[in-house]
Amino acid sequence: MERYELIAPCHFGLEAVLKKEVVDLGYEVTEVENGRVTFIGDAEAICRANIFLRTAERVLLKVGSFKAVTFDELFEATRAIPWEKYLPQDGKCWVKKASSISSKLFSPSDIQRIMKKAIARHMQEYYDLDRMPETGNEYPLRVFFYKDQVTVGIDTSGESLHKRGYRQMTSKAPITETLAAALILLTPWKADRILVDPFCGSGTFPIEAAMIAANMAPGMNRSFLSEDWKNLIPRKCWYEAMDEANDLLDLDVKVDIQGYDIDGDIVKAARANAESAGVAD
């Protein structure tokens, strides 16, 4: 099975936590930068990373890296990427987000327009088409410019991985699930210790702690954009990763996790969220 470079962005300062998660999954980390961890993995790794990583914001399939200081250079370098390896003939591909730090090219809208044009030109030439149909699955790109070095990745997750699928109601300024999980993993807390959140809001800390205690994969109850990418990821990879998650689940674990809040209505919402997450017990 072909191996890829995969990029997992995370909150700044939590790279070490995410790196440990990736290593614990059995993958080789090749680079740790501000806000992201790069590692090597195959199609199965894309599935497992999306389902099991608690502190990553998403999983990107890296397709290219190059230097560009002009839009002509950006166009030609983007056009030179072997897009046919990643996109089917009818695939819809565009730059969903572009960020630029300390680079000569910094306009997101111009970057998006130029790269979209370059991808279309490459695919038209490869498949000998007048125009791309773009009637198939979506392959959104996320592009990072740092000191004129460009990194291009296809977003395999779709919605951010902090959206586990259990939070139906929230309090004001809720903490994200990925950040809550990371903060818990940074503490010495284990399932055999008490955990008390005196200002629990919609219950994110207690729920994430319960999921960690039960060894519940955070992506068990949601879908991912790349589930439909049959040209890159065989369906059996998703089935096997989900089977692994179910095998590791331990809902019989005994824990003492407590959450309190001054707002009774939000405590009810927290209980509902815990039910939705499958950890109410």
C-alpha atoms as a PDB file:
ATOM      1  CA  MET A   1       0.000   0.000   0.000  1.00  0.00           C
ATOM      2  CA  GLU A   2       1.375   3.411  -0.980  1.00  0.00           C
ATOM      3  CA  ARG A   3       2.812   5.542   1.795  1.00  0.00           C
ATOM      4  CA  TYR A   4       2.093   9.259   2.134  1.00  0.00           C
ATOM      5  CA  GLU A   5       3.194  12.247   4.132  1.00  0.00           C
ATOM      6  CA  LEU A   6       0.323  13.205   6.415  1.00  0.00           C
ATOM      7  CA  ILE A   7       0.001  16.515   8.259  1.00  0.00           C
ATOM      8  CA  ALA A   8      -2.004  16.871  11.473  1.00  0.00           C
ATOM      9  CA  PRO A   9      -2.561  20.526  12.493  1.00  0.00           C
ATOM     10  CA  CYS A  10      -3.221  21.259  16.166  1.00  0.00           C
ATOM     11  CA  HIS A  11      -3.492  24.151  18.620  1.00  0.00           C
ATOM     12  CA  PHE A  12      -0.181  25.988  19.101  1.00  0.00           C
ATOM     13  CA  GLY A  13       1.687  24.606  22.099  1.00  0.00           C
ATOM     14  CA  LEU A  14       0.133  21.141  21.914  1.00  0.00           C
ATOM     15  CA  GLU A  15       2.494  19.659  19.334  1.00  0.00           C
ATOM     16  CA  ALA A  16       4.189  17.344  21.880  1.00  0.00           C
ATOM     17  CA  VAL A  17       0.836  15.889  22.940  1.00  0.00           C
ATOM     18  CA  LEU A  18      -0.172  15.240  19.342  1.00  0.00           C
ATOM     19  CA  LYS A  19       3.248  13.795  18.501  1.00  0.00           C
ATOM     20  CA  LYS A  20       2.869  11.248  21.321  1.00  0.00           C
ATOM     21  CA  GLU A  21      -0.577  10.310  20.008  1.00  0.00           C
ATOM     22  CA  VAL A  22       0.798   9.738  16.506  1.00  0.00           C
ATOM     23  CA  VAL A  23       3.722   7.667  17.820  1.00  0.00           C
ATOM     24  CA  ASP A  24       1.359   5.630  20.016  1.00  0.00           C
ATOM     25  CA  LEU A  25      -0.663   4.830  16.871  1.00  0.00           C
ATOM     26  CA  GLY A  26       2.530   3.351  15.434  1.00  0.00           C
ATOM     27  CA  TYR A  27       3.530   5.975  12.872  1.00  0.00           C
ATOM     28  CA  GLU A  28       6.866   7.656  12.202  1.00  0.00           C
ATOM     29  CA  VAL A  29       6.881  11.385  12.920  1.00  0.00           C
ATOM     30  CA  THR A  30       9.106  13.226  10.445  1.00  0.00           C
ATOM     31  CA  GLU A  31       8.620  16.846  11.517  1.00  0.00           C
ATOM     32  CA  VAL A  32       7.147  18.835  14.378  1.00  0.00           C
ATOM     33  CA  GLU A  33       6.477  22.510  13.647  1.00  0.00           C
ATOM     34  CA  ASN A  34       4.421  25.254  15.248  1.00  0.00           C
ATOM     35  CA  GLY A  35       0.858  24.032  15.143  1.00  0.00           C
ATOM     36  CA  ARG A  36       1.332  20.822  13.182  1.00  0.00           C
ATOM     37  CA  VAL A  37       2.894  17.359  13.175  1.00  0.00           C
ATOM     38  CA  THR A  38       3.961  15.549   9.986  1.00  0.00           C
ATOM     39  CA  PHE A  39       4.148  11.759   9.844  1.00  0.00           C
ATOM     40  CA  ILE A  40       4.337   8.880   7.385  1.00  0.00           C
ATOM     41  CA  GLY A  41       1.412   6.548   6.786  1.00  0.00           C
ATOM     42  CA  ASP A  42      -0.623   4.671   4.200  1.00  0.00           C
ATOM     43  CA  ALA A  43      -4.327   4.800   3.350  1.00  0.00           C
ATOM     44  CA  GLU A  44      -5.110   2.901   6.546  1.00  0.00           C
ATOM     45  CA  ALA A  45      -3.240   5.573   8.515  1.00  0.00           C
ATOM     46  CA  ILE A  46      -5.567   8.251   7.117  1.00  0.00           C
ATOM     47  CA  CYS A  47      -8.541   6.340   8.518  1.00  0.00           C
ATOM     48  CA  ARG A  48      -6.943   5.551  11.886  1.00  0.00           C
ATOM     49  CA  ALA A  49      -5.626   9.088  12.364  1.00  0.00           C
ATOM     50  CA  ASN A  50      -9.062  10.599  11.730  1.00  0.00           C
ATOM     51  CA  ILE A  51     -10.789   8.153  14.061  1.00  0.00           C
ATOM     52  CA  PHE A  52      -8.254   7.929  16.918  1.00  0.00           C
ATOM     53  CA  LEU A  53      -6.398  11.265  17.237  1.00  0.00           C
ATOM     54  CA  ARG A  54      -7.882  13.318  20.096  1.00  0.00           C
ATOM     55  CA  THR A  55      -5.823  16.504  19.747  1.00  0.00           C
ATOM     56  CA  ALA A  56      -5.513  16.978  15.949  1.00  0.00           C
ATOM     57  CA  GLU A  57      -7.755  19.491  14.226  1.00  0.00           C
ATOM     58  CA  ARG A  58      -7.777  17.562  10.951  1.00  0.00           C
ATOM     59  CA  VAL A  59      -5.649  15.191   8.849  1.00  0.00           C
ATOM     60  CA  LEU A  60      -4.137  16.458   5.595  1.00  0.00           C
ATOM     61  CA  LEU A  61      -2.647  14.385   2.795  1.00  0.00           C
ATOM     62  CA  LYS A  62       0.444  16.292   1.690  1.00  0.00           C
ATOM     63  CA  VAL A  63       0.673  16.496  -2.110  1.00  0.00           C
ATOM     64  CA  GLY A  64       3.423  19.028  -2.641  1.00  0.00           C
ATOM     65  CA  SER A  65       5.933  21.495  -1.223  1.00  0.00           C
ATOM     66  CA  PHE A  66       7.816  24.191  -3.121  1.00  0.00           C
ATOM     67  CA  LYS A  67       9.075  27.777  -3.025  1.00  0.00           C
ATOM     68  CA  ALA A  68       7.070  30.533  -4.704  1.00  0.00           C
ATOM     69  CA  VAL A  69       7.633  34.290  -4.566  1.00  0.00           C
ATOM     70  CA  THR A  70       5.576  35.229  -7.628  1.00  0.00           C
ATOM     71  CA  PHE A  71       2.165  34.125  -8.867  1.00  0.00           C
ATOM     72  CA  ASP A  72       3.816  32.712 -12.021  1.00  0.00           C
ATOM     73  CA  GLU A  73       5.999  30.480  -9.851  1.00  0.00           C
ATOM     74  CA  LEU A  74       2.962  29.477  -7.806  1.00  0.00           C
ATOM     75  CA  PHE A  75       1.022  28.582 -10.959  1.00  0.00           C
ATOM     76  CA  GLU A  76       3.804  26.495 -12.524  1.00  0.00           C
ATOM     77  CA  ALA A  77       4.724  24.687  -9.308  1.00  0.00           C
ATOM     78  CA  THR A  78       1.076  23.863  -8.586  1.00  0.00           C
ATOM     79  CA  ARG A  79       0.559  22.714 -12.177  1.00  0.00           C
ATOM     80  CA  ALA A  80       3.600  20.393 -11.861  1.00  0.00           C
ATOM     81  CA  ILE A  81       2.072  18.395  -8.972  1.00  0.00           C
ATOM     82  CA  PRO A  82       0.869  14.970 -10.256  1.00  0.00           C
ATOM     83  CA  TRP A  83      -2.776  15.654  -9.438  1.00  0.00           C
ATOM     84  CA  GLU A  84      -3.966  12.550 -11.284  1.00  0.00           C
ATOM     85  CA  LYS A  85      -2.465  10.484  -8.435  1.00  0.00           C
ATOM     86  CA  TYR A  86      -4.896  12.048  -5.982  1.00  0.00           C
ATOM     87  CA  LEU A  87      -7.928  13.251  -7.960  1.00  0.00           C
ATOM     88  CA  PRO A  88     -10.333  11.258 -10.106  1.00  0.00           C
ATOM     89  CA  GLN A  89     -11.258  12.730 -13.465  1.00  0.00           C
ATOM     90  CA  ASP A  90     -14.529  14.142 -12.110  1.00  0.00           C
ATOM     91  CA  GLY A  91     -13.137  15.247  -8.726  1.00  0.00           C
ATOM     92  CA  LYS A  92     -13.866  18.727  -7.407  1.00  0.00           C
ATOM     93  CA  CYS A  93     -10.681  20.324  -6.077  1.00  0.00           C
ATOM     94  CA  TRP A  94     -10.166  23.877  -4.826  1.00  0.00           C
ATOM     95  CA  VAL A  95      -8.194  25.779  -2.183  1.00  0.00           C
ATOM     96  CA  LYS A  96     -10.542  25.987   0.761  1.00  0.00           C
ATOM     97  CA  LYS A  97      -8.092  27.859   2.969  1.00  0.00           C
ATOM     98  CA  ALA A  98      -4.771  29.587   2.380  1.00  0.00           C
ATOM     99  CA  SER A  99      -2.629  31.068   5.148  1.00  0.00           C
ATOM    100  CA  SER A 100       0.552  33.106   4.707  1.00  0.00           C
ATOM    101  CA  ILE A 101       3.258  34.067   7.209  1.00  0.00           C
ATOM    102  CA  SER A 102       6.356  36.111   6.295  1.00  0.00           C
ATOM    103  CA  SER A 103       5.835  35.455   2.567  1.00  0.00           C
ATOM    104  CA  LYS A 104       5.701  37.674  -0.505  1.00  0.00           C
ATOM    105  CA  LEU A 105       2.421  36.075  -1.602  1.00  0.00           C
ATOM    106  CA  PHE A 106      -0.195  36.762   1.038  1.00  0.00           C
ATOM    107  CA  SER A 107      -3.582  37.409  -0.603  1.00  0.00           C
ATOM    108  CA  PRO A 108      -5.763  34.325   0.107  1.00  0.00           C
ATOM    109  CA  SER A 109      -8.215  35.082  -2.713  1.00  0.00           C
ATOM    110  CA  ASP A 110      -5.430  35.458  -5.301  1.00  0.00           C
ATOM    111  CA  ILE A 111      -3.673  32.311  -4.064  1.00  0.00           C
ATOM    112  CA  GLN A 112      -6.945  30.381  -4.294  1.00  0.00           C
ATOM    113  CA  ARG A 113      -7.674  31.648  -7.803  1.00  0.00           C
ATOM    114  CA  ILE A 114      -4.195  30.985  -9.228  1.00  0.00           C
ATOM    115  CA  MET A 115      -3.912  27.490  -7.732  1.00  0.00           C
ATOM    116  CA  LYS A 116      -7.399  26.492  -8.856  1.00  0.00           C
ATOM    117  CA  LYS A 117      -6.524  27.563 -12.408  1.00  0.00           C
ATOM    118  CA  ALA A 118      -3.238  25.593 -12.283  1.00  0.00           C
ATOM    119  CA  ILE A 119      -4.947  22.404 -11.050  1.00  0.00           C
ATOM    120  CA  ALA A 120      -7.602  22.662 -13.753  1.00  0.00           C
ATOM    121  CA  ARG A 121      -4.940  23.193 -16.435  1.00  0.00           C
ATOM    122  CA  HIS A 122      -3.002  20.109 -15.294  1.00  0.00           C
ATOM    123  CA  MET A 123      -6.088  17.882 -15.207  1.00  0.00           C
ATOM    124  CA  GLN A 124      -7.339  19.157 -18.582  1.00  0.00           C
ATOM    125  CA  GLU A 125      -3.980  18.361 -20.182  1.00  0.00           C
ATOM    126  CA  TYR A 126      -3.704  14.953 -18.504  1.00  0.00           C
ATOM    127  CA  TYR A 127      -7.213  13.799 -19.419  1.00  0.00           C
ATOM    128  CA  ASP A 128      -7.374  15.776 -22.706  1.00  0.00           C
ATOM    129  CA  LEU A 129     -10.481  17.699 -21.698  1.00  0.00           C
ATOM    130  CA  ASP A 130     -11.728  21.156 -22.606  1.00  0.00           C
ATOM    131  CA  ARG A 131     -12.959  21.675 -19.067  1.00  0.00           C
ATOM    132  CA  MET A 132     -13.157  19.698 -15.841  1.00  0.00           C
ATOM    133  CA  PRO A 133     -16.618  18.269 -15.061  1.00  0.00           C
ATOM    134  CA  GLU A 134     -16.172  18.498 -11.240  1.00  0.00           C
ATOM    135  CA  THR A 135     -19.288  16.386 -10.665  1.00  0.00           C
ATOM    136  CA  GLY A 136     -17.633  13.862  -8.334  1.00  0.00           C
ATOM    137  CA  ASN A 137     -16.338  13.863  -4.764  1.00  0.00           C
ATOM    138  CA  GLU A 138     -14.789  16.908  -3.117  1.00  0.00           C
ATOM    139  CA  TYR A 139     -11.044  17.226  -2.476  1.00  0.00           C
ATOM    140  CA  PRO A 140     -10.566  20.573  -0.661  1.00  0.00           C
ATOM    141  CA  LEU A 141      -7.024  21.895  -0.257  1.00  0.00           C
ATOM    142  CA  ARG A 142      -5.390  23.686   2.633  1.00  0.00           C
ATOM    143  CA  VAL A 143      -2.292  25.658   1.707  1.00  0.00           C
ATOM    144  CA  PHE A 144       0.370  27.074   4.041  1.00  0.00           C
ATOM    145  CA  PHE A 145       2.903  29.761   3.067  1.00  0.00           C
ATOM    146  CA  TYR A 146       5.817  30.240   5.477  1.00  0.00           C
ATOM    147  CA  LYS A 147       8.827  32.329   4.427  1.00  0.00           C
ATOM    148  CA  ASP A 148       7.850  31.739   0.767  1.00  0.00           C
ATOM    149  CA  GLN A 149       7.820  27.953   1.230  1.00  0.00           C
ATOM    150  CA  VAL A 150       4.469  26.501   0.184  1.00  0.00           C
ATOM    151  CA  THR A 151       2.935  23.309   1.597  1.00  0.00           C
ATOM    152  CA  VAL A 152      -0.144  21.863  -0.102  1.00  0.00           C
ATOM    153  CA  GLY A 153      -2.395  19.304   1.567  1.00  0.00           C
ATOM    154  CA  ILE A 154      -5.756  17.707   0.747  1.00  0.00           C
ATOM    155  CA  ASP A 155      -8.135  17.801   3.700  1.00  0.00           C
ATOM    156  CA  THR A 156      -9.240  14.219   4.449  1.00  0.00           C
ATOM    157  CA  SER A 157     -11.370  15.119   7.471  1.00  0.00           C
ATOM    158  CA  GLY A 158     -13.975  17.551   6.208  1.00  0.00           C
ATOM    159  CA  GLU A 159     -15.403  19.138   9.321  1.00  0.00           C
ATOM    160  CA  SER A 160     -12.779  19.820  11.978  1.00  0.00           C
ATOM    161  CA  LEU A 161     -11.977  16.834  14.187  1.00  0.00           C
ATOM    162  CA  HIS A 162     -13.015  18.782  17.290  1.00  0.00           C
ATOM    163  CA  LYS A 163     -16.573  18.172  16.111  1.00  0.00           C
ATOM    164  CA  ARG A 164     -16.949  14.719  17.638  1.00  0.00           C
ATOM    165  CA  GLY A 165     -20.670  14.686  16.995  1.00  0.00           C
ATOM    166  CA  TYR A 166     -21.882  14.610  20.606  1.00  0.00           C
ATOM    167  CA  ARG A 167     -22.200  18.283  21.509  1.00  0.00           C
ATOM    168  CA  GLN A 168     -25.812  19.210  20.766  1.00  0.00           C
ATOM    169  CA  MET A 169     -25.990  22.196  23.135  1.00  0.00           C
ATOM    170  CA  THR A 170     -23.244  24.535  24.318  1.00  0.00           C
ATOM    171  CA  SER A 171     -22.647  27.206  26.912  1.00  0.00           C
ATOM    172  CA  LYS A 172     -21.105  30.601  26.184  1.00  0.00           C
ATOM    173  CA  ALA A 173     -17.533  30.412  24.873  1.00  0.00           C
ATOM    174  CA  PRO A 174     -17.222  26.617  25.009  1.00  0.00           C
ATOM    175  CA  ILE A 175     -13.758  25.064  24.905  1.00  0.00           C
ATOM    176  CA  THR A 176     -13.136  22.893  21.845  1.00  0.00           C
ATOM    177  CA  GLU A 177     -13.115  19.151  22.338  1.00  0.00           C
ATOM    178  CA  THR A 178      -9.564  18.800  20.984  1.00  0.00           C
ATOM    179  CA  LEU A 179      -8.201  21.413  23.392  1.00  0.00           C
ATOM    180  CA  ALA A 180     -10.058  19.888  26.345  1.00  0.00           C
ATOM    181  CA  ALA A 181      -8.662  16.444  25.516  1.00  0.00           C
ATOM    182  CA  ALA A 182      -5.135  17.853  25.170  1.00  0.00           C
ATOM    183  CA  LEU A 183      -5.300  19.624  28.538  1.00  0.00           C
ATOM    184  CA  ILE A 184      -6.460  16.407  30.208  1.00  0.00           C
ATOM    185  CA  LEU A 185      -3.658  14.436  28.540  1.00  0.00           C
ATOM    186  CA  LEU A 186      -1.159  17.010  29.860  1.00  0.00           C
ATOM    187  CA  THR A 187      -2.204  16.261  33.458  1.00  0.00           C
ATOM    188  CA  PRO A 188      -1.303  13.141  35.483  1.00  0.00           C
ATOM    189  CA  TRP A 189      -4.994  12.166  35.620  1.00  0.00           C
ATOM    190  CA  LYS A 190      -5.858   8.517  35.024  1.00  0.00           C
ATOM    191  CA  ALA A 191      -9.165   6.661  35.054  1.00  0.00           C
ATOM    192  CA  ASP A 192      -8.580   5.448  38.628  1.00  0.00           C
ATOM    193  CA  ARG A 193      -8.376   9.046  39.926  1.00  0.00           C
ATOM    194  CA  ILE A 194     -11.233  11.417  40.634  1.00  0.00           C
ATOM    195  CA  LEU A 195     -11.785  14.284  38.193  1.00  0.00           C
ATOM    196  CA  VAL A 196     -13.872  17.318  39.173  1.00  0.00           C
ATOM    197  CA  ASP A 197     -14.804  20.214  36.896  1.00  0.00           C
ATOM    198  CA  PRO A 198     -16.486  22.902  39.054  1.00  0.00           C
ATOM    199  CA  PHE A 199     -17.416  25.039  36.012  1.00  0.00           C
ATOM    200  CA  CYS A 200     -18.299  22.313  33.513  1.00  0.00           C
ATOM    201  CA  GLY A 201     -20.548  24.300  31.164  1.00  0.00           C
ATOM    202  CA  SER A 202     -21.782  21.940  28.459  1.00  0.00           C
ATOM    203  CA  GLY A 203     -19.613  19.149  29.865  1.00  0.00           C
ATOM    204  CA  THR A 204     -16.685  19.056  27.464  1.00  0.00           C
ATOM    205  CA  PHE A 205     -13.994  18.260  30.078  1.00  0.00           C
ATOM    206  CA  PRO A 206     -15.962  15.493  31.867  1.00  0.00           C
ATOM    207  CA  ILE A 207     -17.091  13.958  28.564  1.00  0.00           C
ATOM    208  CA  GLU A 208     -13.604  13.965  27.034  1.00  0.00           C
ATOM    209  CA  ALA A 209     -12.213  12.474  30.272  1.00  0.00           C
ATOM    210  CA  ALA A 210     -14.861   9.753  30.198  1.00  0.00           C
ATOM    211  CA  MET A 211     -14.024   8.977  26.571  1.00  0.00           C
ATOM    212  CA  ILE A 212     -10.332   8.716  27.452  1.00  0.00           C
ATOM    213  CA  ALA A 213     -11.118   6.456  30.414  1.00  0.00           C
ATOM    214  CA  ALA A 214     -13.302   4.187  28.258  1.00  0.00           C
ATOM    215  CA  ASN A 215     -10.675   4.158  25.488  1.00  0.00           C
ATOM    216  CA  MET A 216     -13.368   5.505  23.177  1.00  0.00           C
ATOM    217  CA  ALA A 217     -12.007   6.741  19.849  1.00  0.00           C
ATOM    218  CA  PRO A 218     -13.131  10.378  19.401  1.00  0.00           C
ATOM    219  CA  GLY A 219     -14.117   9.819  15.765  1.00  0.00           C
ATOM    220  CA  MET A 220     -16.367   6.809  16.330  1.00  0.00           C
ATOM    221  CA  ASN A 221     -19.613   8.734  16.014  1.00  0.00           C
ATOM    222  CA  ARG A 222     -18.990  10.950  13.002  1.00  0.00           C
ATOM    223  CA  SER A 223     -18.191  10.727   9.308  1.00  0.00           C
ATOM    224  CA  PHE A 224     -15.203  11.981   7.324  1.00  0.00           C
ATOM    225  CA  LEU A 225     -14.950  13.557   3.885  1.00  0.00           C
ATOM    226  CA  SER A 226     -12.450  10.986   2.586  1.00  0.00           C
ATOM    227  CA  GLU A 227     -14.754   8.029   3.273  1.00  0.00           C
ATOM    228  CA  ASP A 228     -15.942   8.448  -0.335  1.00  0.00           C
ATOM    229  CA  TRP A 229     -12.452   8.654  -1.863  1.00  0.00           C
ATOM    230  CA  LYS A 230     -12.413   5.130  -3.284  1.00  0.00           C
ATOM    231  CA  ASN A 231      -9.599   6.106  -5.673  1.00  0.00           C
ATOM    232  CA  LEU A 232      -7.267   6.596  -2.676  1.00  0.00           C
ATOM    233  CA  ILE A 233      -8.731   4.731   0.302  1.00  0.00           C
ATOM    234  CA  PRO A 234     -10.331   1.269   0.007  1.00  0.00           C
ATOM    235  CA  ARG A 235     -13.573   1.038   1.998  1.00  0.00           C
ATOM    236  CA  LYS A 236     -12.184  -1.907   3.945  1.00  0.00           C
ATOM    237  CA  CYS A 237      -9.629   0.462   5.558  1.00  0.00           C
ATOM    238  CA  TRP A 238     -12.476   2.414   7.135  1.00  0.00           C
ATOM    239  CA  TYR A 239     -14.278  -0.766   8.224  1.00  0.00           C
ATOM    240  CA  GLU A 240     -11.108  -2.197   9.783  1.00  0.00           C
ATOM    241  CA  ALA A 241     -10.281   1.044  11.615  1.00  0.00           C
ATOM    242  CA  MET A 242     -13.790   1.246  13.026  1.00  0.00           C
ATOM    243  CA  ASP A 243     -13.660  -2.430  14.053  1.00  0.00           C
ATOM    244  CA  GLU A 244     -10.410  -1.688  15.876  1.00  0.00           C
ATOM    245  CA  ALA A 245     -12.054   1.231  17.680  1.00  0.00           C
ATOM    246  CA  ASN A 246     -14.972  -0.963  18.755  1.00  0.00           C
ATOM    247  CA  ASP A 247     -12.619  -3.704  19.982  1.00  0.00           C
ATOM    248  CA  LEU A 248     -10.687  -1.234  22.166  1.00  0.00           C
ATOM    249  CA  LEU A 249     -13.807   0.295  23.721  1.00  0.00           C
ATOM    250  CA  ASP A 250     -14.317  -0.440  27.433  1.00  0.00           C
ATOM    251  CA  LEU A 251     -17.651   0.937  28.671  1.00  0.00           C
ATOM    252  CA  ASP A 252     -17.411  -1.122  31.885  1.00  0.00           C
ATOM    253  CA  VAL A 253     -14.567   0.973  33.290  1.00  0.00           C
ATOM    254  CA  LYS A 254     -15.332   2.441  36.745  1.00  0.00           C
ATOM    255  CA  VAL A 255     -14.605   6.162  37.077  1.00  0.00           C
ATOM    256  CA  ASP A 256     -15.475   9.085  39.334  1.00  0.00           C
ATOM    257  CA  ILE A 257     -15.913  12.103  37.062  1.00  0.00           C
ATOM    258  CA  GLN A 258     -17.938  15.042  38.373  1.00  0.00           C
ATOM    259  CA  GLY A 259     -19.102  18.251  36.709  1.00  0.00           C
ATOM    260  CA  TYR A 260     -20.861  21.237  38.297  1.00  0.00           C
ATOM    261  CA  ASP A 261     -22.196  24.539  37.037  1.00  0.00           C
ATOM    262  CA  ILE A 262     -24.209  27.430  38.482  1.00  0.00           C
ATOM    263  CA  ASP A 263     -26.588  27.238  35.495  1.00  0.00           C
ATOM    264  CA  GLY A 264     -28.996  24.322  35.960  1.00  0.00           C
ATOM    265  CA  ASP A 265     -30.127  24.414  32.339  1.00  0.00           C
ATOM    266  CA  ILE A 266     -26.590  24.044  31.041  1.00  0.00           C
ATOM    267  CA  VAL A 267     -26.029  21.082  33.389  1.00  0.00           C
ATOM    268  CA  LYS A 268     -29.054  19.444  31.749  1.00  0.00           C
ATOM    269  CA  ALA A 269     -27.432  20.161  28.393  1.00  0.00           C
ATOM    270  CA  ALA A 270     -24.188  18.605  29.656  1.00  0.00           C
ATOM    271  CA  ARG A 271     -26.085  15.467  30.639  1.00  0.00           C
ATOM    272  CA  ALA A 272     -27.686  15.359  27.180  1.00  0.00           C
ATOM    273  CA  ASN A 273     -24.268  15.755  25.558  1.00  0.00           C
ATOM    274  CA  ALA A 274     -22.904  12.907  27.695  1.00  0.00           C
ATOM    275  CA  GLU A 275     -25.805  10.724  26.570  1.00  0.00           C
ATOM    276  CA  SER A 276     -25.088  11.635  22.964  1.00  0.00           C
ATOM    277  CA  ALA A 277     -21.418  10.749  23.435  1.00  0.00           C
ATOM    278  CA  GLY A 278     -22.320   7.376  24.907  1.00  0.00           C
ATOM    279  CA  VAL A 279     -20.589   8.027  28.245  1.00  0.00           C
ATOM    280  CA  ALA A 280     -23.513   9.076  30.469  1.00  0.00           C
ATOM    281  CA  ASP A 281     -22.878   6.099  32.778  1.00  0.00           C
END
